[in-house]
PDB file of N, CA and C in Angstrom:
ATOM      1  N   MET A   1      -6.801  26.188  -6.237  1.00  0.00           N
ATOM      2  CA  MET A   1      -6.456  24.778  -6.216  1.00  0.00           C
ATOM      3  C   MET A   1      -7.695  23.957  -6.541  1.00  0.00           C
ATOM      4  N   ASN A   2      -7.524  22.991  -7.378  1.00  0.00           N
ATOM      5  CA  ASN A   2      -8.617  22.121  -7.768  1.00  0.00           C
ATOM      6  C   ASN A   2      -8.821  21.047  -6.691  1.00  0.00           C
ATOM      7  N   TYR A   3      -9.915  21.147  -5.966  1.00  0.00           N
ATOM      8  CA  TYR A   3     -10.164  20.225  -4.857  1.00  0.00           C
ATOM      9  C   TYR A   3     -10.668  18.868  -5.322  1.00  0.00           C
ATOM     10  N   SER A   4     -11.053  18.768  -6.588  1.00  0.00           N
ATOM     11  CA  SER A   4     -11.508  17.467  -7.079  1.00  0.00           C
ATOM     12  C   SER A   4     -10.356  16.465  -7.117  1.00  0.00           C
ATOM     13  N   LEU A   5      -9.131  16.927  -7.334  1.00  0.00           N
ATOM     14  CA  LEU A   5      -7.974  16.035  -7.307  1.00  0.00           C
ATOM     15  C   LEU A   5      -7.709  15.529  -5.895  1.00  0.00           C
ATOM     16  N   LEU A   6      -7.897  16.392  -4.905  1.00  0.00           N
ATOM     17  CA  LEU A   6      -7.772  15.965  -3.508  1.00  0.00           C
ATOM     18  C   LEU A   6      -8.819  14.913  -3.153  1.00  0.00           C
ATOM     19  N   ILE A   7     -10.030  15.142  -3.588  1.00  0.00           N
ATOM     20  CA  ILE A   7     -11.103  14.194  -3.301  1.00  0.00           C
ATOM     21  C   ILE A   7     -10.852  12.875  -4.013  1.00  0.00           C
ATOM     22  N   PHE A   8     -10.356  12.938  -5.252  1.00  0.00           N
ATOM     23  CA  PHE A   8     -10.066  11.714  -6.003  1.00  0.00           C
ATOM     24  C   PHE A   8      -8.981  10.885  -5.329  1.00  0.00           C
ATOM     25  N   THR A   9      -7.917  11.524  -4.868  1.00  0.00           N
ATOM     26  CA  THR A   9      -6.856  10.759  -4.211  1.00  0.00           C
ATOM     27  C   THR A   9      -7.327  10.206  -2.870  1.00  0.00           C
ATOM     28  N   GLN A  10      -8.153  10.956  -2.168  1.00  0.00           N
ATOM     29  CA  GLN A  10      -8.683  10.451  -0.907  1.00  0.00           C
ATOM     30  C   GLN A  10      -9.617   9.267  -1.149  1.00  0.00           C
ATOM     31  N   LEU A  11     -10.426   9.333  -2.187  1.00  0.00           N
ATOM     32  CA  LEU A  11     -11.292   8.205  -2.520  1.00  0.00           C
ATOM     33  C   LEU A  11     -10.492   6.993  -2.974  1.00  0.00           C
ATOM     34  N   SER A  12      -9.371   7.232  -3.652  1.00  0.00           N
ATOM     35  CA  SER A  12      -8.545   6.093  -4.066  1.00  0.00           C
ATOM     36  C   SER A  12      -7.888   5.420  -2.862  1.00  0.00           C
ATOM     37  N   ILE A  13      -7.557   6.188  -1.835  1.00  0.00           N
ATOM     38  CA  ILE A  13      -7.038   5.584  -0.600  1.00  0.00           C
ATOM     39  C   ILE A  13      -8.109   4.704   0.032  1.00  0.00           C
ATOM     40  N   TYR A  14      -9.334   5.209   0.113  1.00  0.00           N
ATOM     41  CA  TYR A  14     -10.422   4.425   0.694  1.00  0.00           C
ATOM     42  C   TYR A  14     -10.729   3.186  -0.148  1.00  0.00           C
ATOM     43  N   ALA A  15     -10.653   3.318  -1.468  1.00  0.00           N
ATOM     44  CA  ALA A  15     -10.908   2.169  -2.338  1.00  0.00           C
ATOM     45  C   ALA A  15      -9.845   1.093  -2.153  1.00  0.00           C
ATOM     46  N   MET A  16      -8.597   1.495  -1.978  1.00  0.00           N
ATOM     47  CA  MET A  16      -7.534   0.510  -1.760  1.00  0.00           C
ATOM     48  C   MET A  16      -7.661  -0.160  -0.397  1.00  0.00           C
ATOM     49  N   ILE A  17      -8.102   0.586   0.606  1.00  0.00           N
ATOM     50  CA  ILE A  17      -8.324  -0.027   1.922  1.00  0.00           C
ATOM     51  C   ILE A  17      -9.468  -1.034   1.840  1.00  0.00           C
ATOM     52  N   LEU A  18     -10.519  -0.689   1.110  1.00  0.00           N
ATOM     53  CA  LEU A  18     -11.626  -1.618   0.922  1.00  0.00           C
ATOM     54  C   LEU A  18     -11.180  -2.853   0.146  1.00  0.00           C
ATOM     55  N   ALA A  19     -10.368  -2.660  -0.887  1.00  0.00           N
ATOM     56  CA  ALA A  19      -9.849  -3.804  -1.647  1.00  0.00           C
ATOM     57  C   ALA A  19      -8.943  -4.672  -0.788  1.00  0.00           C
ATOM     58  N   LEU A  20      -8.195  -4.055   0.114  1.00  0.00           N
ATOM     59  CA  LEU A  20      -7.345  -4.820   1.029  1.00  0.00           C
ATOM     60  C   LEU A  20      -8.192  -5.676   1.963  1.00  0.00           C
ATOM     61  N   LEU A  21      -9.316  -5.144   2.408  1.00  0.00           N
ATOM     62  CA  LEU A  21     -10.196  -5.915   3.281  1.00  0.00           C
ATOM     63  C   LEU A  21     -10.904  -7.041   2.531  1.00  0.00           C
ATOM     64  N   ILE A  22     -11.200  -6.826   1.261  1.00  0.00           N
ATOM     65  CA  ILE A  22     -11.909  -7.838   0.476  1.00  0.00           C
ATOM     66  C   ILE A  22     -10.957  -8.911  -0.044  1.00  0.00           C
ATOM     67  N   GLN A  23      -9.813  -8.526  -0.582  1.00  0.00           N
ATOM     68  CA  GLN A  23      -8.871  -9.458  -1.214  1.00  0.00           C
ATOM     69  C   GLN A  23      -7.823  -9.938  -0.222  1.00  0.00           C
ATOM     70  N   ARG A  24      -8.235 -10.673   0.784  1.00  0.00           N
ATOM     71  CA  ARG A  24      -7.292 -11.147   1.785  1.00  0.00           C
ATOM     72  C   ARG A  24      -6.857 -12.585   1.559  1.00  0.00           C
ATOM     73  N   SER A  25      -7.309 -13.229   0.501  1.00  0.00           N
ATOM     74  CA  SER A  25      -6.982 -14.641   0.337  1.00  0.00           C
ATOM     75  C   SER A  25      -5.574 -14.846  -0.213  1.00  0.00           C
ATOM     76  N   HIS A  26      -5.097 -13.948  -1.051  1.00  0.00           N
ATOM     77  CA  HIS A  26      -3.757 -14.064  -1.627  1.00  0.00           C
ATOM     78  C   HIS A  26      -2.841 -12.985  -1.045  1.00  0.00           C
ATOM     79  N   PHE A  27      -1.626 -13.376  -0.752  1.00  0.00           N
ATOM     80  CA  PHE A  27      -0.648 -12.450  -0.187  1.00  0.00           C
ATOM     81  C   PHE A  27      -0.231 -11.397  -1.213  1.00  0.00           C
ATOM     82  N   LEU A  28      -0.148 -11.791  -2.480  1.00  0.00           N
ATOM     83  CA  LEU A  28       0.238 -10.850  -3.534  1.00  0.00           C
ATOM     84  C   LEU A  28      -0.801  -9.745  -3.697  1.00  0.00           C
ATOM     85  N   MET A  29      -2.078 -10.087  -3.612  1.00  0.00           N
ATOM     86  CA  MET A  29      -3.126  -9.067  -3.721  1.00  0.00           C
ATOM     87  C   MET A  29      -3.082  -8.101  -2.541  1.00  0.00           C
ATOM     88  N   SER A  30      -2.758  -8.621  -1.372  1.00  0.00           N
ATOM     89  CA  SER A  30      -2.623  -7.744  -0.206  1.00  0.00           C
ATOM     90  C   SER A  30      -1.465  -6.776  -0.390  1.00  0.00           C
ATOM     91  N   LEU A  31      -0.361  -7.273  -0.937  1.00  0.00           N
ATOM     92  CA  LEU A  31       0.788  -6.399  -1.182  1.00  0.00           C
ATOM     93  C   LEU A  31       0.483  -5.340  -2.236  1.00  0.00           C
ATOM     94  N   LEU A  32      -0.255  -5.720  -3.281  1.00  0.00           N
ATOM     95  CA  LEU A  32      -0.629  -4.741  -4.308  1.00  0.00           C
ATOM     96  C   LEU A  32      -1.547  -3.661  -3.738  1.00  0.00           C
ATOM     97  N   CYS A  33      -2.457  -4.047  -2.869  1.00  0.00           N
ATOM     98  CA  CYS A  33      -3.331  -3.052  -2.236  1.00  0.00           C
ATOM     99  C   CYS A  33      -2.539  -2.122  -1.328  1.00  0.00           C
ATOM    100  N   LEU A  34      -1.571  -2.661  -0.608  1.00  0.00           N
ATOM    101  CA  LEU A  34      -0.723  -1.806   0.230  1.00  0.00           C
ATOM    102  C   LEU A  34       0.094  -0.834  -0.612  1.00  0.00           C
ATOM    103  N   GLU A  35       0.570  -1.289  -1.760  1.00  0.00           N
ATOM    104  CA  GLU A  35       1.305  -0.383  -2.653  1.00  0.00           C
ATOM    105  C   GLU A  35       0.387   0.697  -3.217  1.00  0.00           C
ATOM    106  N   GLY A  36      -0.854   0.341  -3.513  1.00  0.00           N
ATOM    107  CA  GLY A  36      -1.814   1.343  -3.970  1.00  0.00           C
ATOM    108  C   GLY A  36      -2.111   2.383  -2.906  1.00  0.00           C
ATOM    109  N   ILE A  37      -2.212   1.936  -1.660  1.00  0.00           N
ATOM    110  CA  ILE A  37      -2.421   2.869  -0.550  1.00  0.00           C
ATOM    111  C   ILE A  37      -1.228   3.802  -0.421  1.00  0.00           C
ATOM    112  N   MET A  38      -0.030   3.250  -0.532  1.00  0.00           N
ATOM    113  CA  MET A  38       1.177   4.073  -0.404  1.00  0.00           C
ATOM    114  C   MET A  38       1.278   5.076  -1.557  1.00  0.00           C
ATOM    115  N   LEU A  39       0.972   4.648  -2.771  1.00  0.00           N
ATOM    116  CA  LEU A  39       1.029   5.558  -3.915  1.00  0.00           C
ATOM    117  C   LEU A  39      -0.005   6.668  -3.781  1.00  0.00           C
ATOM    118  N   SER A  40      -1.194   6.325  -3.355  1.00  0.00           N
ATOM    119  CA  SER A  40      -2.225   7.347  -3.166  1.00  0.00           C
ATOM    120  C   SER A  40      -1.849   8.321  -2.057  1.00  0.00           C
ATOM    121  N   THR A  41      -1.209   7.812  -1.015  1.00  0.00           N
ATOM    122  CA  THR A  41      -0.765   8.681   0.073  1.00  0.00           C
ATOM    123  C   THR A  41       0.349   9.607  -0.388  1.00  0.00           C
ATOM    124  N   VAL A  42       1.254   9.081  -1.215  1.00  0.00           N
ATOM    125  CA  VAL A  42       2.336   9.915  -1.756  1.00  0.00           C
ATOM    126  C   VAL A  42       1.763  11.028  -2.630  1.00  0.00           C
ATOM    127  N   LEU A  43       0.671  10.757  -3.324  1.00  0.00           N
ATOM    128  CA  LEU A  43       0.035  11.799  -4.129  1.00  0.00           C
ATOM    129  C   LEU A  43      -0.810  12.751  -3.278  1.00  0.00           C
ATOM    130  N   PHE A  44      -1.413  12.232  -2.221  1.00  0.00           N
ATOM    131  CA  PHE A  44      -2.350  13.024  -1.424  1.00  0.00           C
ATOM    132  C   PHE A  44      -1.649  14.045  -0.533  1.00  0.00           C
ATOM    133  N   ILE A  45      -0.563  13.662   0.101  1.00  0.00           N
ATOM    134  CA  ILE A  45       0.101  14.550   1.062  1.00  0.00           C
ATOM    135  C   ILE A  45       0.642  15.825   0.403  1.00  0.00           C
ATOM    136  N   PRO A  46       1.364  15.759  -0.730  1.00  0.00           N
ATOM    137  CA  PRO A  46       1.806  17.028  -1.337  1.00  0.00           C
ATOM    138  C   PRO A  46       0.651  17.897  -1.832  1.00  0.00           C
ATOM    139  N   LEU A  47      -0.420  17.263  -2.337  1.00  0.00           N
ATOM    140  CA  LEU A  47      -1.576  18.055  -2.758  1.00  0.00           C
ATOM    141  C   LEU A  47      -2.228  18.754  -1.574  1.00  0.00           C
ATOM    142  N   LEU A  48      -2.303  18.066  -0.468  1.00  0.00           N
ATOM    143  CA  LEU A  48      -2.882  18.662   0.732  1.00  0.00           C
ATOM    144  C   LEU A  48      -2.011  19.796   1.258  1.00  0.00           C
ATOM    145  N   LEU A  49      -0.700  19.590   1.251  1.00  0.00           N
ATOM    146  CA  LEU A  49       0.200  20.644   1.720  1.00  0.00           C
ATOM    147  C   LEU A  49       0.212  21.836   0.767  1.00  0.00           C
ATOM    148  N   TYR A  50       0.079  21.570  -0.541  1.00  0.00           N
ATOM    149  CA  TYR A  50       0.040  22.659  -1.512  1.00  0.00           C
ATOM    150  C   TYR A  50      -1.241  23.478  -1.355  1.00  0.00           C
ATOM    151  N   SER A  51      -2.336  22.818  -1.018  1.00  0.00           N
ATOM    152  CA  SER A  51      -3.594  23.560  -0.861  1.00  0.00           C
ATOM    153  C   SER A  51      -3.595  24.404   0.411  1.00  0.00           C
ATOM    154  N   THR A  52      -2.765  24.046   1.392  1.00  0.00           N
ATOM    155  CA  THR A  52      -2.666  24.848   2.609  1.00  0.00           C
ATOM    156  C   THR A  52      -1.453  25.772   2.591  1.00  0.00           C
ATOM    157  N   SER A  53      -0.792  25.897   1.464  1.00  0.00           N
ATOM    158  CA  SER A  53       0.361  26.783   1.246  1.00  0.00           C
ATOM    159  C   SER A  53       1.579  26.395   2.076  1.00  0.00           C
ATOM    160  N   LEU A  54       1.721  25.136   2.394  1.00  0.00           N
ATOM    161  CA  LEU A  54       2.920  24.632   3.064  1.00  0.00           C
ATOM    162  C   LEU A  54       3.676  23.757   2.066  1.00  0.00           C
ATOM    163  N   MET A  55       4.829  24.191   1.675  1.00  0.00           N
ATOM    164  CA  MET A  55       5.616  23.424   0.707  1.00  0.00           C
ATOM    165  C   MET A  55       6.747  22.708   1.435  1.00  0.00           C
ATOM    166  N   LEU A  56       6.546  21.452   1.752  1.00  0.00           N
ATOM    167  CA  LEU A  56       7.557  20.629   2.409  1.00  0.00           C
ATOM    168  C   LEU A  56       7.844  19.410   1.531  1.00  0.00           C
ATOM    169  N   PRO A  57       8.812  19.505   0.635  1.00  0.00           N
ATOM    170  CA  PRO A  57       9.065  18.363  -0.263  1.00  0.00           C
ATOM    171  C   PRO A  57       9.706  17.173   0.437  1.00  0.00           C
ATOM    172  N   THR A  58      10.214  17.368   1.648  1.00  0.00           N
ATOM    173  CA  THR A  58      10.863  16.252   2.335  1.00  0.00           C
ATOM    174  C   THR A  58       9.859  15.183   2.758  1.00  0.00           C
ATOM    175  N   ILE A  59       8.620  15.560   2.993  1.00  0.00           N
ATOM    176  CA  ILE A  59       7.609  14.576   3.385  1.00  0.00           C
ATOM    177  C   ILE A  59       7.367  13.588   2.247  1.00  0.00           C
ATOM    178  N   SER A  60       7.336  14.075   1.017  1.00  0.00           N
ATOM    179  CA  SER A  60       7.147  13.184  -0.127  1.00  0.00           C
ATOM    180  C   SER A  60       8.316  12.227  -0.284  1.00  0.00           C
ATOM    181  N   ILE A  61       9.516  12.714  -0.065  1.00  0.00           N
ATOM    182  CA  ILE A  61      10.697  11.859  -0.181  1.00  0.00           C
ATOM    183  C   ILE A  61      10.702  10.802   0.921  1.00  0.00           C
ATOM    184  N   ILE A  62      10.301  11.183   2.120  1.00  0.00           N
ATOM    185  CA  ILE A  62      10.227  10.219   3.221  1.00  0.00           C
ATOM    186  C   ILE A  62       9.171   9.158   2.931  1.00  0.00           C
ATOM    187  N   MET A  63       8.023   9.563   2.406  1.00  0.00           N
ATOM    188  CA  MET A  63       6.976   8.598   2.076  1.00  0.00           C
ATOM    189  C   MET A  63       7.423   7.656   0.963  1.00  0.00           C
ATOM    190  N   LEU A  64       8.123   8.169  -0.037  1.00  0.00           N
ATOM    191  CA  LEU A  64       8.642   7.304  -1.101  1.00  0.00           C
ATOM    192  C   LEU A  64       9.668   6.317  -0.564  1.00  0.00           C
ATOM    193  N   THR A  65      10.484   6.750   0.387  1.00  0.00           N
ATOM    194  CA  THR A  65      11.462   5.854   1.001  1.00  0.00           C
ATOM    195  C   THR A  65      10.772   4.741   1.767  1.00  0.00           C
ATOM    196  N   PHE A  66       9.761   5.094   2.551  1.00  0.00           N
ATOM    197  CA  PHE A  66       9.006   4.064   3.278  1.00  0.00           C
ATOM    198  C   PHE A  66       8.293   3.121   2.318  1.00  0.00           C
ATOM    199  N   GLY A  67       7.794   3.653   1.218  1.00  0.00           N
ATOM    200  CA  GLY A  67       7.135   2.808   0.222  1.00  0.00           C
ATOM    201  C   GLY A  67       8.087   1.822  -0.422  1.00  0.00           C
ATOM    202  N   ALA A  68       9.308   2.259  -0.703  1.00  0.00           N
ATOM    203  CA  ALA A  68      10.299   1.356  -1.289  1.00  0.00           C
ATOM    204  C   ALA A  68      10.716   0.281  -0.293  1.00  0.00           C
ATOM    205  N   CYS A  69      10.872   0.658   0.962  1.00  0.00           N
ATOM    206  CA  CYS A  69      11.214  -0.335   2.003  1.00  0.00           C
ATOM    207  C   CYS A  69      10.088  -1.340   2.185  1.00  0.00           C
ATOM    208  N   GLU A  70       8.857  -0.849   2.167  1.00  0.00           N
ATOM    209  CA  GLU A  70       7.712  -1.745   2.309  1.00  0.00           C
ATOM    210  C   GLU A  70       7.617  -2.706   1.133  1.00  0.00           C
ATOM    211  N   ALA A  71       7.883  -2.218  -0.068  1.00  0.00           N
ATOM    212  CA  ALA A  71       7.817  -3.074  -1.249  1.00  0.00           C
ATOM    213  C   ALA A  71       8.900  -4.143  -1.228  1.00  0.00           C
ATOM    214  N   SER A  72      10.099  -3.786  -0.823  1.00  0.00           N
ATOM    215  CA  SER A  72      11.177  -4.778  -0.802  1.00  0.00           C
ATOM    216  C   SER A  72      10.948  -5.822   0.285  1.00  0.00           C
ATOM    217  N   LEU A  73      10.460  -5.405   1.447  1.00  0.00           N
ATOM    218  CA  LEU A  73      10.148  -6.375   2.500  1.00  0.00           C
ATOM    219  C   LEU A  73       8.988  -7.281   2.102  1.00  0.00           C
ATOM    220  N   GLY A  74       7.991  -6.715   1.475  1.00  0.00           N
ATOM    221  CA  GLY A  74       6.858  -7.521   1.023  1.00  0.00           C
ATOM    222  C   GLY A  74       7.251  -8.524  -0.036  1.00  0.00           C
ATOM    223  N   LEU A  75       8.110  -8.118  -0.961  1.00  0.00           N
ATOM    224  CA  LEU A  75       8.563  -9.041  -1.999  1.00  0.00           C
ATOM    225  C   LEU A  75       9.404 -10.163  -1.416  1.00  0.00           C
ATOM    226  N   SER A  76      10.263  -9.838  -0.462  1.00  0.00           N
ATOM    227  CA  SER A  76      11.073 -10.894   0.154  1.00  0.00           C
ATOM    228  C   SER A  76      10.204 -11.856   0.961  1.00  0.00           C
ATOM    229  N   LEU A  77       9.174 -11.348   1.637  1.00  0.00           N
ATOM    230  CA  LEU A  77       8.254 -12.233   2.350  1.00  0.00           C
ATOM    231  C   LEU A  77       7.446 -13.098   1.391  1.00  0.00           C
ATOM    232  N   LEU A  78       7.069 -12.538   0.246  1.00  0.00           N
ATOM    233  CA  LEU A  78       6.329 -13.307  -0.750  1.00  0.00           C
ATOM    234  C   LEU A  78       7.177 -14.435  -1.313  1.00  0.00           C
ATOM    235  N   VAL A  79       8.443 -14.161  -1.610  1.00  0.00           N
ATOM    236  CA  VAL A  79       9.342 -15.196  -2.126  1.00  0.00           C
ATOM    237  C   VAL A  79       9.566 -16.270  -1.074  1.00  0.00           C
ATOM    238  N   LYS A  80       9.798 -15.862   0.161  1.00  0.00           N
ATOM    239  CA  LYS A  80      10.007 -16.829   1.249  1.00  0.00           C
ATOM    240  C   LYS A  80       8.769 -17.692   1.461  1.00  0.00           C
ATOM    241  N   MET A  81       7.602 -17.073   1.410  1.00  0.00           N
ATOM    242  CA  MET A  81       6.364 -17.816   1.619  1.00  0.00           C
ATOM    243  C   MET A  81       6.089 -18.779   0.471  1.00  0.00           C
ATOM    244  N   SER A  82       6.311 -18.338  -0.759  1.00  0.00           N
ATOM    245  CA  SER A  82       6.041 -19.218  -1.894  1.00  0.00           C
ATOM    246  C   SER A  82       7.039 -20.370  -1.963  1.00  0.00           C
ATOM    247  N   ARG A  83       8.265 -20.165  -1.515  1.00  0.00           N
ATOM    248  CA  ARG A  83       9.229 -21.265  -1.482  1.00  0.00           C
ATOM    249  C   ARG A  83       8.951 -22.227  -0.333  1.00  0.00           C
ATOM    250  N   SER A  84       8.477 -21.715   0.780  1.00  0.00           N
ATOM    251  CA  SER A  84       8.225 -22.574   1.942  1.00  0.00           C
ATOM    252  C   SER A  84       6.917 -23.344   1.823  1.00  0.00           C
ATOM    253  N   TYR A  85       5.846 -22.671   1.402  1.00  0.00           N
ATOM    254  CA  TYR A  85       4.522 -23.279   1.394  1.00  0.00           C
ATOM    255  C   TYR A  85       4.037 -23.663   0.004  1.00  0.00           C
ATOM    256  N   GLY A  86       4.676 -23.193  -1.042  1.00  0.00           N
ATOM    257  CA  GLY A  86       4.285 -23.569  -2.393  1.00  0.00           C
ATOM    258  C   GLY A  86       3.244 -22.677  -3.032  1.00  0.00           C
ATOM    259  N   SER A  87       2.664 -21.743  -2.293  1.00  0.00           N
ATOM    260  CA  SER A  87       1.681 -20.820  -2.861  1.00  0.00           C
ATOM    261  C   SER A  87       1.658 -19.546  -2.020  1.00  0.00           C
ATOM    262  N   ASP A  88       0.883 -18.585  -2.496  1.00  0.00           N
ATOM    263  CA  ASP A  88       0.767 -17.337  -1.741  1.00  0.00           C
ATOM    264  C   ASP A  88      -0.589 -17.206  -1.063  1.00  0.00           C
ATOM    265  N   MET A  89      -1.261 -18.320  -0.891  1.00  0.00           N
ATOM    266  CA  MET A  89      -2.560 -18.311  -0.210  1.00  0.00           C
ATOM    267  C   MET A  89      -2.360 -18.040   1.276  1.00  0.00           C
ATOM    268  N   MET A  90      -3.166 -17.147   1.815  1.00  0.00           N
ATOM    269  CA  MET A  90      -3.054 -16.819   3.228  1.00  0.00           C
ATOM    270  C   MET A  90      -3.522 -17.975   4.113  1.00  0.00           C
ATOM    271  N   SER A  91      -4.359 -18.852   3.571  1.00  0.00           N
ATOM    272  CA  SER A  91      -4.838 -19.983   4.366  1.00  0.00           C
ATOM    273  C   SER A  91      -3.742 -21.010   4.614  1.00  0.00           C
ATOM    274  N   SER A  92      -2.671 -20.986   3.818  1.00  0.00           N
ATOM    275  CA  SER A  92      -1.579 -21.938   4.033  1.00  0.00           C
ATOM    276  C   SER A  92      -0.693 -21.534   5.204  1.00  0.00           C
ATOM    277  N   LEU A  93      -0.930 -20.374   5.789  1.00  0.00           N
ATOM    278  CA  LEU A  93      -0.144 -19.929   6.934  1.00  0.00           C
ATOM    279  C   LEU A  93      -0.696 -20.428   8.262  1.00  0.00           C
ATOM    280  N   SER A  94      -1.754 -21.195   8.212  1.00  0.00           N
ATOM    281  CA  SER A  94      -2.384 -21.679   9.438  1.00  0.00           C
ATOM    282  C   SER A  94      -1.444 -22.612  10.187  1.00  0.00           C
ATOM    283  N   THR A  95      -1.405 -22.461  11.493  1.00  0.00           N
ATOM    284  CA  THR A  95      -0.539 -23.309  12.314  1.00  0.00           C
ATOM    285  C   THR A  95      -1.270 -24.545  12.813  1.00  0.00           C
ATOM    286  N   ASN A  96      -2.502 -24.758  12.394  1.00  0.00           N
ATOM    287  CA  ASN A  96      -3.298 -25.891  12.851  1.00  0.00           C
ATOM    288  C   ASN A  96      -3.152 -27.108  11.945  1.00  0.00           C
ATOM    289  N   LYS A  97      -2.066 -27.211  11.212  1.00  0.00           N
ATOM    290  CA  LYS A  97      -1.869 -28.350  10.318  1.00  0.00           C
ATOM    291  C   LYS A  97      -1.439 -29.573  11.114  1.00  0.00           C
ATOM    292  N   CYS A  98      -1.879 -30.728  10.682  1.00  0.00           N
ATOM    293  CA  CYS A  98      -1.515 -31.978  11.367  1.00  0.00           C
ATOM    294  C   CYS A  98      -0.204 -32.522  10.835  1.00  0.00           C
TER     295      CYS A  98
END
């Protein structure tokens, strides 16, 4: 098994977490980073299980299902937020408005 692919997917998970921490000003960027984390996780788990000789394809299907649910909820929240506040800036969610 080529372990460089495992390392690459693990580094991509860390890069997306770092991007999520840096790009917190827009809600859309946060959602894109979460989708990147989910995609990297969907790629990482089967590779990890294949390298340990455990073939469980149901875990990948469950992760894809959670990813689709997360994407649909995030999109509906983005639409609701942009219609209510006029933008996707996270600073517009402050409750300290006069």
